Amino acid sequence: QVTLVESGGGLVQAGGSLRLSCAASGSIFSINAMGWYRQAPGKQRELVAFIPSNGRTKYADSVKGRYTISRDNAKNTVYLQMNSLKPEDTAVYYCYANINGPGYWGQGTQVTVSS
């Protein structure tokens, strides 16, 4: 059994910062890709940032230059540093990871940016 637990969401004013964390636990032998997605009300879930095992990051155009994804393999944890937040960044953020082959999702954490 593998679980992903996110933390770090909350309410912040526009221009502010938040840092999300997602820790994987359970019977873990290998973690390949890790990433963050988000889903705003009435919209489809979209990829925000992605970091494979080789560390080559990928970002959605809307967050480039503002968000930074990183991972600590020793802790089986992926982070998302979000700076210069905008109201349109408001969404539920989900972490994703390929663990032992299959993909797993976290439960989601709410990020709300007020104007």
Protein backbone atom coordinates (compact mmCIF):
# COMPACT_ATOMS: atom_id res chain seq x y z
CA GLN A 1 0.00 0.00 0.00
CA VAL A 2 1.33 3.41 -1.01
CA THR A 3 -0.04 6.78 -0.01
CA LEU A 4 0.75 10.38 -0.91
CA VAL A 5 0.04 13.06 1.66
CA GLU A 6 0.11 16.73 0.70
CA SER A 7 0.50 19.71 2.98
CA GLY A 8 1.14 23.43 2.78
CA GLY A 9 -1.98 24.78 1.11
CA GLY A 10 -3.90 27.74 2.43
CA LEU A 11 -5.09 31.28 1.85
CA VAL A 12 -2.64 33.91 0.66
CA GLN A 13 -2.86 37.37 -0.83
CA ALA A 14 -1.89 38.01 -4.42
CA GLY A 15 1.86 38.38 -4.72
CA GLY A 16 2.47 36.05 -1.81
CA SER A 17 4.13 32.65 -1.60
CA LEU A 18 3.29 29.15 -0.49
CA ARG A 19 5.25 25.92 -0.40
CA LEU A 20 3.51 22.61 -0.95
CA SER A 21 4.94 19.30 0.15
CA CYS A 22 3.94 15.77 -0.78
CA ALA A 23 5.38 12.80 1.05
CA ALA A 24 5.08 9.24 -0.21
CA SER A 25 4.92 6.40 2.28
CA GLY A 26 4.38 2.65 2.29
CA SER A 27 6.11 -0.16 0.45
CA ILE A 28 8.26 1.93 -1.88
CA PHE A 29 10.97 0.38 -4.02
CA SER A 30 11.32 3.06 -6.66
CA ILE A 31 9.85 6.44 -7.55
CA ASN A 32 10.13 7.63 -11.11
CA ALA A 33 8.26 10.76 -12.08
CA MET A 34 6.70 13.11 -9.55
CA GLY A 35 4.55 16.10 -10.28
CA TRP A 36 1.88 18.57 -9.31
CA TYR A 37 -1.48 19.11 -10.98
CA ARG A 38 -4.25 21.52 -10.14
CA GLN A 39 -7.97 21.75 -10.71
CA ALA A 40 -9.93 24.96 -10.47
CA PRO A 41 -13.74 24.95 -10.11
CA GLY A 42 -15.40 24.12 -13.40
CA LYS A 43 -12.10 23.35 -15.12
CA GLN A 44 -10.19 20.22 -16.00
CA ARG A 45 -7.22 19.06 -13.99
CA GLU A 46 -4.03 20.42 -15.54
CA LEU A 47 -0.34 19.72 -15.17
CA VAL A 48 1.51 22.40 -13.22
CA ALA A 49 5.02 21.01 -12.84
CA PHE A 50 6.78 17.72 -13.41
CA ILE A 51 10.11 16.27 -12.30
CA PRO A 52 11.24 12.85 -13.51
CA SER A 53 13.96 10.81 -11.86
CA ASN A 54 16.63 12.54 -14.00
CA GLY A 55 15.63 15.89 -12.52
CA ARG A 56 14.66 17.57 -15.80
CA THR A 57 11.81 19.78 -14.74
CA LYS A 58 8.86 20.83 -16.85
CA TYR A 59 6.37 23.60 -16.12
CA ALA A 60 3.09 24.84 -17.45
CA ASP A 61 3.56 28.14 -19.28
CA SER A 62 1.28 29.86 -16.80
CA VAL A 63 3.63 29.18 -13.87
CA LYS A 64 7.07 29.40 -15.47
CA GLY A 65 9.34 31.74 -13.57
CA ARG A 66 7.05 31.72 -10.53
CA TYR A 67 6.92 28.08 -9.44
CA THR A 68 9.77 25.71 -8.66
CA ILE A 69 9.41 21.96 -8.29
CA SER A 70 12.02 19.93 -6.44
CA ARG A 71 12.31 16.51 -4.83
CA ASP A 72 14.16 14.90 -1.96
CA ASN A 73 14.63 11.28 -2.91
CA ALA A 74 15.88 10.34 0.55
CA LYS A 75 12.56 11.52 1.99
CA ASN A 76 10.36 10.37 -0.92
CA THR A 77 9.03 13.92 -1.02
CA VAL A 78 8.25 16.39 -3.76
CA TYR A 79 7.89 20.12 -3.18
CA LEU A 80 6.31 22.99 -5.05
CA GLN A 81 7.50 26.49 -4.21
CA MET A 82 4.95 28.99 -5.48
CA ASN A 83 5.89 32.67 -5.64
CA SER A 84 4.15 35.76 -7.01
CA LEU A 85 0.82 34.02 -6.64
CA LYS A 86 -2.15 35.28 -8.63
CA PRO A 87 -5.89 34.86 -8.05
CA GLU A 88 -6.02 32.60 -11.11
CA ASP A 89 -3.70 30.17 -9.31
CA THR A 90 -6.59 29.33 -6.97
CA ALA A 91 -7.29 25.61 -7.23
CA VAL A 92 -7.00 22.28 -5.51
CA TYR A 93 -3.44 21.09 -6.01
CA TYR A 94 -2.76 17.37 -6.33
CA CYS A 95 0.56 15.61 -6.26
CA TYR A 96 1.23 12.62 -8.45
CA ALA A 97 3.97 10.02 -8.41
CA ASN A 98 4.93 6.88 -10.29
CA ILE A 99 5.77 4.48 -7.47
CA ASN A 100 6.87 0.92 -8.19
CA GLY A 101 5.39 1.39 -11.66
CA PRO A 102 1.78 2.55 -11.16
CA GLY A 103 0.73 6.17 -10.68
CA TYR A 104 -0.70 7.44 -7.40
CA TRP A 105 -2.51 10.63 -6.48
CA GLY A 106 -2.60 12.61 -3.28
CA GLN A 107 -5.86 13.74 -1.74
CA GLY A 108 -5.40 17.36 -2.80
CA THR A 109 -4.73 20.57 -0.93
CA GLN A 110 -6.60 23.83 -1.45
CA VAL A 111 -4.71 26.94 -2.50
CA THR A 112 -6.70 30.17 -2.48
CA VAL A 113 -5.20 33.45 -3.65
CA SER A 114 -7.14 36.59 -2.79
CA SER A 115 -6.92 39.77 -4.83
